[in-house]
Amino acid sequence: MKLFQLILILLILCTSYPANASRDTNSYDGNIFPIYAGNGAIVPPQTTLEESLKNQRVSVLFFYLDDSSDSKAMAPVISGLDLIWRNNIDLIALTTDDLQSDKSKSKSNQPNYYWNGLIPQTIILDSKGEVRFDMNGMVNIDDLNKIIGELKGIDISDSTFSVKSFNEYNSIISEKK
């Protein structure tokens, strides 16, 4: 019996495969926010779009997939928005897996109403629910901050931020001086 256990342990150790997680591949590595942005608090969202619109708050919708390299690259930017604007906006990051239903049946207080079918997609809605920004792909954090600042009535023209990766998995948001 001990010989069998020893052989089993050796087989497990000898047949292990290296982890192939990478920000630059379309592989599923787990939830992108804790892995690539160091911020697992973004998902699940703290509020719904319906609640955000009802409370007349600025909303940032981010549609993504965990196995998309472009979504992985945007995760630190979205995390940076959360760090900068945490109490001033509603950040609603949603995987598109749940949004595959018929868009024609959705209402403007439902996220799939705004999703255009491509990922990643970043949308900013003002406090009245009007789309003020809608873009697919990589988005510069300064462009997003400028729009949010205008909507919140805060002059941020003197502030610029950068997203710097300091290893394969982690990034840091810093203000440029």
N, C-alpha and C. Protein backbone atom coordinates (compact mmCIF):
# COMPACT_ATOMS: atom_id res chain seq x y z
N MET A 1 0.83 -1.19 0.00
CA MET A 1 0.00 0.00 0.00
C MET A 1 0.87 1.25 0.00
N LYS A 2 1.96 1.24 0.77
CA LYS A 2 2.85 2.39 0.80
C LYS A 2 3.54 2.58 -0.54
N LEU A 3 3.86 1.50 -1.22
CA LEU A 3 4.47 1.58 -2.53
C LEU A 3 3.51 2.24 -3.52
N PHE A 4 2.26 1.87 -3.44
CA PHE A 4 1.23 2.46 -4.30
C PHE A 4 1.11 3.97 -4.05
N GLN A 5 1.12 4.38 -2.78
CA GLN A 5 1.02 5.80 -2.43
C GLN A 5 2.25 6.56 -2.92
N LEU A 6 3.42 5.96 -2.79
CA LEU A 6 4.65 6.58 -3.26
C LEU A 6 4.62 6.76 -4.78
N ILE A 7 4.17 5.75 -5.49
CA ILE A 7 4.08 5.84 -6.95
C ILE A 7 3.07 6.92 -7.36
N LEU A 8 1.96 6.96 -6.65
CA LEU A 8 0.93 7.95 -6.94
C LEU A 8 1.47 9.38 -6.72
N ILE A 9 2.16 9.59 -5.65
CA ILE A 9 2.75 10.91 -5.37
C ILE A 9 3.78 11.27 -6.43
N LEU A 10 4.63 10.33 -6.82
CA LEU A 10 5.62 10.59 -7.86
C LEU A 10 4.95 10.92 -9.19
N LEU A 11 3.90 10.22 -9.52
CA LEU A 11 3.18 10.51 -10.76
C LEU A 11 2.58 11.91 -10.75
N ILE A 12 2.02 12.29 -9.64
CA ILE A 12 1.43 13.63 -9.52
C ILE A 12 2.52 14.69 -9.67
N LEU A 13 3.65 14.51 -9.02
CA LEU A 13 4.73 15.49 -9.09
C LEU A 13 5.39 15.53 -10.45
N CYS A 14 5.52 14.41 -11.10
CA CYS A 14 6.21 14.35 -12.38
C CYS A 14 5.34 14.79 -13.55
N THR A 15 4.04 14.73 -13.39
CA THR A 15 3.17 15.07 -14.50
C THR A 15 2.53 16.45 -14.35
N SER A 16 3.06 17.26 -13.47
CA SER A 16 2.49 18.59 -13.32
C SER A 16 2.84 19.45 -14.53
N TYR A 17 1.94 20.34 -14.87
CA TYR A 17 2.13 21.20 -16.02
C TYR A 17 2.36 22.63 -15.53
N PRO A 18 3.19 23.37 -16.24
CA PRO A 18 3.42 24.75 -15.83
C PRO A 18 2.17 25.60 -16.07
N ALA A 19 2.01 26.61 -15.28
CA ALA A 19 0.88 27.53 -15.47
C ALA A 19 1.16 28.40 -16.69
N ASN A 20 0.17 28.57 -17.51
CA ASN A 20 0.34 29.35 -18.73
C ASN A 20 -0.45 30.65 -18.69
N ALA A 21 -0.69 31.17 -17.52
CA ALA A 21 -1.43 32.43 -17.41
C ALA A 21 -0.60 33.57 -17.97
N SER A 22 -1.26 34.43 -18.74
CA SER A 22 -0.56 35.56 -19.31
C SER A 22 -1.55 36.64 -19.68
N ARG A 23 -1.19 37.88 -19.43
CA ARG A 23 -2.05 39.01 -19.78
C ARG A 23 -2.19 39.15 -21.28
N ASP A 24 -1.23 38.65 -22.04
CA ASP A 24 -1.22 38.84 -23.49
C ASP A 24 -1.88 37.72 -24.28
N THR A 25 -2.52 36.78 -23.60
CA THR A 25 -3.17 35.68 -24.30
C THR A 25 -4.67 35.68 -24.01
N ASN A 26 -5.40 35.03 -24.86
CA ASN A 26 -6.84 34.88 -24.67
C ASN A 26 -7.14 33.59 -23.92
N SER A 27 -6.44 33.40 -22.83
CA SER A 27 -6.65 32.22 -22.00
C SER A 27 -7.42 32.61 -20.75
N TYR A 28 -8.17 31.68 -20.22
CA TYR A 28 -8.89 31.93 -18.98
C TYR A 28 -7.95 31.66 -17.82
N ASP A 29 -7.68 32.69 -17.02
CA ASP A 29 -6.78 32.58 -15.88
C ASP A 29 -7.50 32.78 -14.56
N GLY A 30 -8.78 33.10 -14.62
CA GLY A 30 -9.55 33.44 -13.43
C GLY A 30 -10.08 34.85 -13.61
N ASN A 31 -10.67 35.41 -12.58
CA ASN A 31 -11.21 36.76 -12.68
C ASN A 31 -10.08 37.75 -12.90
N ILE A 32 -10.20 38.59 -13.90
CA ILE A 32 -9.11 39.48 -14.31
C ILE A 32 -8.81 40.59 -13.31
N PHE A 33 -9.79 41.01 -12.51
CA PHE A 33 -9.54 42.15 -11.62
C PHE A 33 -8.61 41.82 -10.46
N PRO A 34 -8.80 40.73 -9.73
CA PRO A 34 -7.82 40.43 -8.69
C PRO A 34 -6.46 40.00 -9.26
N ILE A 35 -6.47 39.34 -10.42
CA ILE A 35 -5.21 38.82 -10.97
C ILE A 35 -4.38 39.92 -11.63
N TYR A 36 -4.99 40.69 -12.51
CA TYR A 36 -4.22 41.65 -13.31
C TYR A 36 -4.33 43.10 -12.82
N ALA A 37 -5.27 43.39 -11.94
CA ALA A 37 -5.41 44.75 -11.45
C ALA A 37 -5.25 44.85 -9.94
N GLY A 38 -5.19 43.71 -9.26
CA GLY A 38 -5.03 43.72 -7.81
C GLY A 38 -6.23 44.28 -7.07
N ASN A 39 -7.41 44.21 -7.69
CA ASN A 39 -8.60 44.80 -7.07
C ASN A 39 -9.80 43.88 -7.29
N GLY A 40 -9.98 42.93 -6.42
CA GLY A 40 -11.11 42.02 -6.53
C GLY A 40 -12.42 42.61 -6.07
N ALA A 41 -12.40 43.83 -5.52
CA ALA A 41 -13.63 44.46 -5.02
C ALA A 41 -14.52 44.98 -6.14
N ILE A 42 -14.02 45.02 -7.35
CA ILE A 42 -14.82 45.53 -8.47
C ILE A 42 -15.93 44.56 -8.85
N VAL A 43 -15.67 43.28 -8.71
CA VAL A 43 -16.68 42.28 -9.06
C VAL A 43 -17.04 41.47 -7.84
N PRO A 44 -18.28 41.18 -7.64
CA PRO A 44 -19.41 41.69 -8.41
C PRO A 44 -19.61 43.18 -8.14
N PRO A 45 -20.29 43.89 -9.05
CA PRO A 45 -20.51 45.32 -8.85
C PRO A 45 -21.25 45.61 -7.56
N GLN A 46 -20.95 46.75 -6.97
CA GLN A 46 -21.58 47.14 -5.71
C GLN A 46 -23.02 47.60 -5.89
N THR A 47 -23.40 47.93 -7.12
CA THR A 47 -24.75 48.39 -7.42
C THR A 47 -25.16 47.91 -8.80
N THR A 48 -26.42 48.07 -9.12
CA THR A 48 -26.91 47.73 -10.45
C THR A 48 -27.05 49.01 -11.25
N LEU A 49 -27.14 48.87 -12.54
CA LEU A 49 -27.35 50.04 -13.39
C LEU A 49 -28.70 50.68 -13.06
N GLU A 50 -29.69 49.87 -12.83
CA GLU A 50 -31.02 50.40 -12.49
C GLU A 50 -30.96 51.28 -11.24
N GLU A 51 -30.25 50.82 -10.20
CA GLU A 51 -30.11 51.61 -8.96
C GLU A 51 -29.31 52.88 -9.21
N SER A 52 -28.26 52.78 -10.00
CA SER A 52 -27.42 53.93 -10.30
C SER A 52 -28.21 55.01 -11.03
N LEU A 53 -28.99 54.61 -12.02
CA LEU A 53 -29.81 55.57 -12.76
C LEU A 53 -30.88 56.17 -11.86
N LYS A 54 -31.47 55.35 -11.03
CA LYS A 54 -32.50 55.82 -10.10
C LYS A 54 -31.93 56.87 -9.14
N ASN A 55 -30.68 56.67 -8.71
CA ASN A 55 -30.02 57.59 -7.78
C ASN A 55 -29.32 58.75 -8.49
N GLN A 56 -29.45 58.81 -9.82
CA GLN A 56 -28.89 59.87 -10.65
C GLN A 56 -27.39 60.05 -10.42
N ARG A 57 -26.68 58.92 -10.50
CA ARG A 57 -25.23 58.95 -10.35
C ARG A 57 -24.55 58.72 -11.70
N VAL A 58 -23.35 59.22 -11.84
CA VAL A 58 -22.54 58.93 -13.02
C VAL A 58 -22.20 57.44 -12.97
N SER A 59 -22.42 56.76 -14.09
CA SER A 59 -22.17 55.32 -14.15
C SER A 59 -21.12 55.02 -15.21
N VAL A 60 -20.21 54.12 -14.87
CA VAL A 60 -19.24 53.62 -15.83
C VAL A 60 -19.54 52.14 -16.00
N LEU A 61 -19.93 51.77 -17.22
CA LEU A 61 -20.16 50.37 -17.54
C LEU A 61 -18.91 49.85 -18.24
N PHE A 62 -18.46 48.69 -17.82
CA PHE A 62 -17.31 48.05 -18.47
C PHE A 62 -17.71 46.62 -18.78
N PHE A 63 -17.79 46.31 -20.06
CA PHE A 63 -18.14 44.96 -20.51
C PHE A 63 -16.85 44.25 -20.90
N TYR A 64 -16.68 43.03 -20.37
CA TYR A 64 -15.42 42.32 -20.57
C TYR A 64 -15.65 40.81 -20.55
N LEU A 65 -14.61 40.09 -20.90
CA LEU A 65 -14.54 38.64 -20.72
C LEU A 65 -13.23 38.32 -20.02
N ASP A 66 -13.26 37.37 -19.12
CA ASP A 66 -12.05 37.00 -18.37
C ASP A 66 -10.99 36.35 -19.25
N ASP A 67 -11.38 35.84 -20.42
CA ASP A 67 -10.39 35.19 -21.29
C ASP A 67 -10.03 36.05 -22.50
N SER A 68 -10.14 37.36 -22.38
CA SER A 68 -9.78 38.28 -23.44
C SER A 68 -8.53 39.07 -23.05
N SER A 69 -7.51 39.03 -23.90
CA SER A 69 -6.28 39.77 -23.59
C SER A 69 -6.53 41.27 -23.53
N ASP A 70 -7.42 41.78 -24.37
CA ASP A 70 -7.74 43.21 -24.32
C ASP A 70 -8.45 43.58 -23.02
N SER A 71 -9.33 42.70 -22.55
CA SER A 71 -10.00 42.94 -21.27
C SER A 71 -8.99 42.90 -20.13
N LYS A 72 -8.05 41.97 -20.19
CA LYS A 72 -7.01 41.88 -19.17
C LYS A 72 -6.18 43.16 -19.13
N ALA A 73 -5.87 43.70 -20.31
CA ALA A 73 -5.07 44.92 -20.38
C ALA A 73 -5.85 46.13 -19.85
N MET A 74 -7.17 46.12 -19.97
CA MET A 74 -8.00 47.23 -19.49
C MET A 74 -8.28 47.14 -17.99
N ALA A 75 -8.12 45.98 -17.39
CA ALA A 75 -8.45 45.80 -15.97
C ALA A 75 -7.75 46.82 -15.06
N PRO A 76 -6.45 47.11 -15.24
CA PRO A 76 -5.82 48.11 -14.38
C PRO A 76 -6.40 49.52 -14.57
N VAL A 77 -6.84 49.85 -15.78
CA VAL A 77 -7.45 51.16 -16.03
C VAL A 77 -8.77 51.27 -15.27
N ILE A 78 -9.59 50.23 -15.36
CA ILE A 78 -10.88 50.24 -14.66
C ILE A 78 -10.65 50.25 -13.15
N SER A 79 -9.67 49.51 -12.69
CA SER A 79 -9.32 49.51 -11.28
C SER A 79 -8.85 50.90 -10.84
N GLY A 80 -8.11 51.58 -11.71
CA GLY A 80 -7.66 52.93 -11.42
C GLY A 80 -8.82 53.90 -11.27
N LEU A 81 -9.82 53.75 -12.13
CA LEU A 81 -11.02 54.59 -11.99
C LEU A 81 -11.68 54.35 -10.64
N ASP A 82 -11.72 53.09 -10.23
CA ASP A 82 -12.31 52.77 -8.93
C ASP A 82 -11.52 53.42 -7.80
N LEU A 83 -10.22 53.42 -7.90
CA LEU A 83 -9.39 54.04 -6.85
C LEU A 83 -9.56 55.56 -6.82
N ILE A 84 -9.65 56.18 -7.98
CA ILE A 84 -9.72 57.64 -8.06
C ILE A 84 -11.12 58.15 -7.72
N TRP A 85 -12.16 57.48 -8.23
CA TRP A 85 -13.52 57.99 -8.13
C TRP A 85 -14.43 57.16 -7.24
N ARG A 86 -13.92 56.29 -6.45
CA ARG A 86 -14.68 55.28 -5.70
C ARG A 86 -16.03 55.76 -5.15
N ASN A 87 -16.08 56.85 -4.44
CA ASN A 87 -17.32 57.29 -3.80
C ASN A 87 -18.13 58.26 -4.66
N ASN A 88 -17.63 58.57 -5.84
CA ASN A 88 -18.27 59.58 -6.67
C ASN A 88 -18.98 59.04 -7.91
N ILE A 89 -18.71 57.80 -8.27
CA ILE A 89 -19.34 57.20 -9.45
C ILE A 89 -19.76 55.78 -9.10
N ASP A 90 -20.58 55.21 -9.96
CA ASP A 90 -20.91 53.79 -9.85
C ASP A 90 -20.17 53.07 -10.97
N LEU A 91 -19.27 52.19 -10.61
CA LEU A 91 -18.50 51.40 -11.55
C LEU A 91 -19.14 50.03 -11.65
N ILE A 92 -19.60 49.69 -12.84
CA ILE A 92 -20.33 48.43 -13.04
C ILE A 92 -19.60 47.63 -14.11
N ALA A 93 -18.78 46.68 -13.67
CA ALA A 93 -18.02 45.82 -14.57
C ALA A 93 -18.78 44.50 -14.70
N LEU A 94 -19.07 44.12 -15.95
CA LEU A 94 -19.89 42.94 -16.19
C LEU A 94 -19.28 42.07 -17.28
N THR A 95 -19.26 40.77 -17.03
CA THR A 95 -18.86 39.86 -18.10
C THR A 95 -20.03 39.76 -19.07
N THR A 96 -19.71 39.60 -20.33
CA THR A 96 -20.76 39.59 -21.35
C THR A 96 -21.43 38.23 -21.48
N ASP A 97 -20.94 37.24 -20.75
CA ASP A 97 -21.57 35.92 -20.80
C ASP A 97 -23.05 35.99 -20.42
N ASP A 98 -23.37 36.86 -19.47
CA ASP A 98 -24.74 36.98 -18.99
C ASP A 98 -25.61 37.90 -19.85
N LEU A 99 -25.02 38.56 -20.83
CA LEU A 99 -25.74 39.56 -21.61
C LEU A 99 -26.15 39.07 -23.00
N GLN A 100 -26.12 37.79 -23.21
CA GLN A 100 -26.38 37.24 -24.54
C GLN A 100 -27.86 37.20 -24.91
N SER A 101 -28.73 37.68 -24.03
CA SER A 101 -30.16 37.63 -24.31
C SER A 101 -30.53 38.63 -25.41
N ASP A 102 -31.77 38.59 -25.84
CA ASP A 102 -32.27 39.43 -26.91
C ASP A 102 -32.24 40.90 -26.50
N LYS A 103 -31.41 41.69 -27.18
CA LYS A 103 -31.24 43.11 -26.85
C LYS A 103 -32.52 43.91 -27.10
N SER A 104 -33.33 43.46 -28.05
CA SER A 104 -34.53 44.22 -28.39
C SER A 104 -35.54 44.25 -27.24
N LYS A 105 -35.42 43.31 -26.32
CA LYS A 105 -36.34 43.26 -25.18
C LYS A 105 -35.82 44.03 -23.97
N SER A 106 -34.60 44.55 -24.05
CA SER A 106 -34.03 45.23 -22.89
C SER A 106 -34.43 46.70 -22.86
N LYS A 107 -34.38 47.25 -21.67
CA LYS A 107 -34.73 48.65 -21.43
C LYS A 107 -33.46 49.43 -21.12
N SER A 108 -33.55 50.74 -21.16
CA SER A 108 -32.36 51.58 -20.96
C SER A 108 -31.80 51.51 -19.54
N ASN A 109 -32.50 50.85 -18.63
CA ASN A 109 -31.95 50.68 -17.28
C ASN A 109 -31.31 49.30 -17.11
N GLN A 110 -31.14 48.58 -18.22
CA GLN A 110 -30.50 47.27 -18.22
C GLN A 110 -29.18 47.35 -18.98
N PRO A 111 -28.13 46.72 -18.47
CA PRO A 111 -26.81 46.83 -19.11
C PRO A 111 -26.77 46.35 -20.56
N ASN A 112 -27.48 45.28 -20.89
CA ASN A 112 -27.37 44.76 -22.26
C ASN A 112 -27.96 45.72 -23.30
N TYR A 113 -28.70 46.71 -22.88
CA TYR A 113 -29.20 47.76 -23.77
C TYR A 113 -28.04 48.53 -24.39
N TYR A 114 -26.94 48.69 -23.64
CA TYR A 114 -25.79 49.50 -24.07
C TYR A 114 -24.68 48.68 -24.71
N TRP A 115 -24.67 47.39 -24.47
CA TRP A 115 -23.58 46.56 -24.99
C TRP A 115 -23.71 46.40 -26.50
N ASN A 116 -22.63 46.68 -27.24
CA ASN A 116 -22.67 46.60 -28.71
C ASN A 116 -22.19 45.26 -29.26
N GLY A 117 -21.88 44.32 -28.39
CA GLY A 117 -21.47 42.99 -28.84
C GLY A 117 -19.98 42.79 -28.93
N LEU A 118 -19.19 43.83 -28.70
CA LEU A 118 -17.73 43.73 -28.76
C LEU A 118 -17.15 43.98 -27.38
N ILE A 119 -15.98 43.39 -27.13
CA ILE A 119 -15.32 43.58 -25.84
C ILE A 119 -13.86 43.97 -26.06
N PRO A 120 -13.26 44.63 -25.10
CA PRO A 120 -13.91 45.31 -24.00
C PRO A 120 -14.62 46.56 -24.49
N GLN A 121 -15.65 46.95 -23.78
CA GLN A 121 -16.40 48.16 -24.11
C GLN A 121 -16.55 48.97 -22.83
N THR A 122 -16.22 50.26 -22.92
CA THR A 122 -16.33 51.17 -21.78
C THR A 122 -17.34 52.25 -22.13
N ILE A 123 -18.31 52.44 -21.26
CA ILE A 123 -19.38 53.41 -21.47
C ILE A 123 -19.49 54.28 -20.22
N ILE A 124 -19.64 55.58 -20.41
CA ILE A 124 -19.90 56.48 -19.29
C ILE A 124 -21.28 57.10 -19.51
N LEU A 125 -22.14 56.97 -18.51
CA LEU A 125 -23.47 57.57 -18.53
C LEU A 125 -23.49 58.71 -17.52
N ASP A 126 -24.07 59.84 -17.91
CA ASP A 126 -24.18 60.94 -16.96
C ASP A 126 -25.30 60.66 -15.96
N SER A 127 -25.54 61.58 -15.06
CA SER A 127 -26.52 61.37 -13.99
C SER A 127 -27.95 61.30 -14.52
N LYS A 128 -28.17 61.69 -15.77
CA LYS A 128 -29.49 61.59 -16.39
C LYS A 128 -29.63 60.33 -17.24
N GLY A 129 -28.57 59.53 -17.31
CA GLY A 129 -28.60 58.30 -18.08
C GLY A 129 -28.23 58.46 -19.53
N GLU A 130 -27.70 59.62 -19.91
CA GLU A 130 -27.28 59.86 -21.29
C GLU A 130 -25.86 59.34 -21.49
N VAL A 131 -25.63 58.69 -22.63
CA VAL A 131 -24.30 58.18 -22.95
C VAL A 131 -23.39 59.36 -23.29
N ARG A 132 -22.31 59.49 -22.54
CA ARG A 132 -21.33 60.56 -22.77
C ARG A 132 -20.03 60.02 -23.35
N PHE A 133 -19.83 58.71 -23.27
CA PHE A 133 -18.62 58.08 -23.81
C PHE A 133 -18.95 56.63 -24.10
N ASP A 134 -18.52 56.15 -25.25
CA ASP A 134 -18.74 54.75 -25.62
C ASP A 134 -17.61 54.34 -26.56
N MET A 135 -16.76 53.45 -26.09
CA MET A 135 -15.61 53.04 -26.90
C MET A 135 -15.23 51.59 -26.63
N ASN A 136 -14.84 50.91 -27.69
CA ASN A 136 -14.33 49.55 -27.56
C ASN A 136 -12.81 49.58 -27.56
N GLY A 137 -12.22 48.54 -26.95
CA GLY A 137 -10.77 48.42 -26.96
C GLY A 137 -10.12 49.18 -25.82
N MET A 138 -8.83 49.43 -26.00
CA MET A 138 -8.06 50.14 -24.98
C MET A 138 -8.46 51.60 -24.91
N VAL A 139 -8.62 52.09 -23.69
CA VAL A 139 -9.00 53.47 -23.46
C VAL A 139 -7.99 54.07 -22.49
N ASN A 140 -7.60 55.29 -22.75
CA ASN A 140 -6.65 55.99 -21.89
C ASN A 140 -7.36 56.45 -20.61
N ILE A 141 -6.76 56.22 -19.48
CA ILE A 141 -7.37 56.60 -18.20
C ILE A 141 -7.58 58.11 -18.10
N ASP A 142 -6.72 58.90 -18.71
CA ASP A 142 -6.89 60.35 -18.67
C ASP A 142 -8.14 60.80 -19.43
N ASP A 143 -8.43 60.14 -20.54
CA ASP A 143 -9.65 60.46 -21.29
C ASP A 143 -10.88 60.19 -20.44
N LEU A 144 -10.89 59.07 -19.75
CA LEU A 144 -12.02 58.72 -18.88
C LEU A 144 -12.12 59.69 -17.71
N ASN A 145 -11.00 60.01 -17.09
CA ASN A 145 -11.01 60.94 -15.96
C ASN A 145 -11.50 62.33 -16.38
N LYS A 146 -11.12 62.76 -17.56
CA LYS A 146 -11.55 64.07 -18.04
C LYS A 146 -13.07 64.11 -18.17
N ILE A 147 -13.66 63.10 -18.75
CA ILE A 147 -15.11 63.05 -18.92
C ILE A 147 -15.81 62.96 -17.57
N ILE A 148 -15.33 62.10 -16.70
CA ILE A 148 -15.95 61.97 -15.38
C ILE A 148 -15.81 63.27 -14.59
N GLY A 149 -14.64 63.89 -14.67
CA GLY A 149 -14.43 65.17 -13.99
C GLY A 149 -15.41 66.23 -14.47
N GLU A 150 -15.61 66.32 -15.79
CA GLU A 150 -16.57 67.28 -16.34
C GLU A 150 -17.98 66.98 -15.82
N LEU A 151 -18.37 65.72 -15.81
CA LEU A 151 -19.70 65.35 -15.36
C LEU A 151 -19.90 65.62 -13.87
N LYS A 152 -18.83 65.49 -13.10
CA LYS A 152 -18.91 65.73 -11.66
C LYS A 152 -18.63 67.19 -11.30
N GLY A 153 -18.27 68.02 -12.29
CA GLY A 153 -17.98 69.42 -12.02
C GLY A 153 -16.66 69.63 -11.31
N ILE A 154 -15.71 68.73 -11.55
CA ILE A 154 -14.39 68.81 -10.91
C ILE A 154 -13.35 69.08 -11.98
N ASP A 155 -12.56 70.13 -11.81
CA ASP A 155 -11.51 70.45 -12.77
C ASP A 155 -10.30 69.57 -12.49
N ILE A 156 -10.02 68.67 -13.41
CA ILE A 156 -8.86 67.80 -13.26
C ILE A 156 -7.86 68.03 -14.38
N SER A 157 -7.93 69.20 -15.00
CA SER A 157 -7.06 69.47 -16.14
C SER A 157 -5.58 69.43 -15.79
N ASP A 158 -5.24 69.65 -14.53
CA ASP A 158 -3.84 69.63 -14.11
C ASP A 158 -3.36 68.24 -13.71
N SER A 159 -4.26 67.27 -13.71
CA SER A 159 -3.90 65.92 -13.28
C SER A 159 -3.86 64.97 -14.45
N THR A 160 -2.81 64.19 -14.51
CA THR A 160 -2.73 63.10 -15.47
C THR A 160 -2.27 61.86 -14.72
N PHE A 161 -2.78 60.73 -15.14
CA PHE A 161 -2.47 59.49 -14.47
C PHE A 161 -1.86 58.52 -15.46
N SER A 162 -1.11 57.58 -14.94
CA SER A 162 -0.55 56.54 -15.80
C SER A 162 -0.77 55.19 -15.16
N VAL A 163 -0.88 54.20 -16.02
CA VAL A 163 -1.01 52.81 -15.58
C VAL A 163 0.29 52.14 -15.96
N LYS A 164 1.05 51.73 -14.95
CA LYS A 164 2.33 51.09 -15.20
C LYS A 164 2.30 49.66 -14.67
N SER A 165 2.70 48.73 -15.52
CA SER A 165 2.79 47.35 -15.10
C SER A 165 4.17 47.13 -14.52
N PHE A 166 4.21 46.56 -13.31
CA PHE A 166 5.52 46.30 -12.74
C PHE A 166 5.86 44.82 -12.75
N ASN A 167 4.96 43.99 -13.20
CA ASN A 167 5.25 42.60 -13.53
C ASN A 167 4.12 42.09 -14.39
N GLU A 168 4.15 40.84 -14.74
CA GLU A 168 3.15 40.25 -15.63
C GLU A 168 1.74 40.37 -15.10
N TYR A 169 1.58 40.44 -13.78
CA TYR A 169 0.24 40.35 -13.21
C TYR A 169 -0.24 41.61 -12.52
N ASN A 170 0.61 42.53 -12.18
CA ASN A 170 0.20 43.66 -11.38
C ASN A 170 0.57 44.98 -12.03
N SER A 171 -0.30 45.95 -11.81
CA SER A 171 -0.09 47.29 -12.33
C SER A 171 -0.33 48.28 -11.21
N ILE A 172 0.16 49.49 -11.42
CA ILE A 172 -0.04 50.53 -10.43
C ILE A 172 -0.51 51.79 -11.16
N ILE A 173 -1.42 52.50 -10.55
CA ILE A 173 -1.92 53.76 -11.08
C ILE A 173 -1.19 54.86 -10.33
N SER A 174 -0.59 55.79 -11.05
CA SER A 174 0.09 56.88 -10.38
C SER A 174 -0.22 58.19 -11.09
N GLU A 175 -0.16 59.27 -10.32
CA GLU A 175 -0.39 60.59 -10.89
C GLU A 175 0.93 61.12 -11.39
N LYS A 176 0.91 61.62 -12.62
CA LYS A 176 2.11 62.25 -13.19
C LYS A 176 2.17 63.68 -12.70
N LYS A 177 3.32 64.12 -12.35
CA LYS A 177 3.50 65.50 -11.86
C LYS A 177 4.24 66.30 -12.89
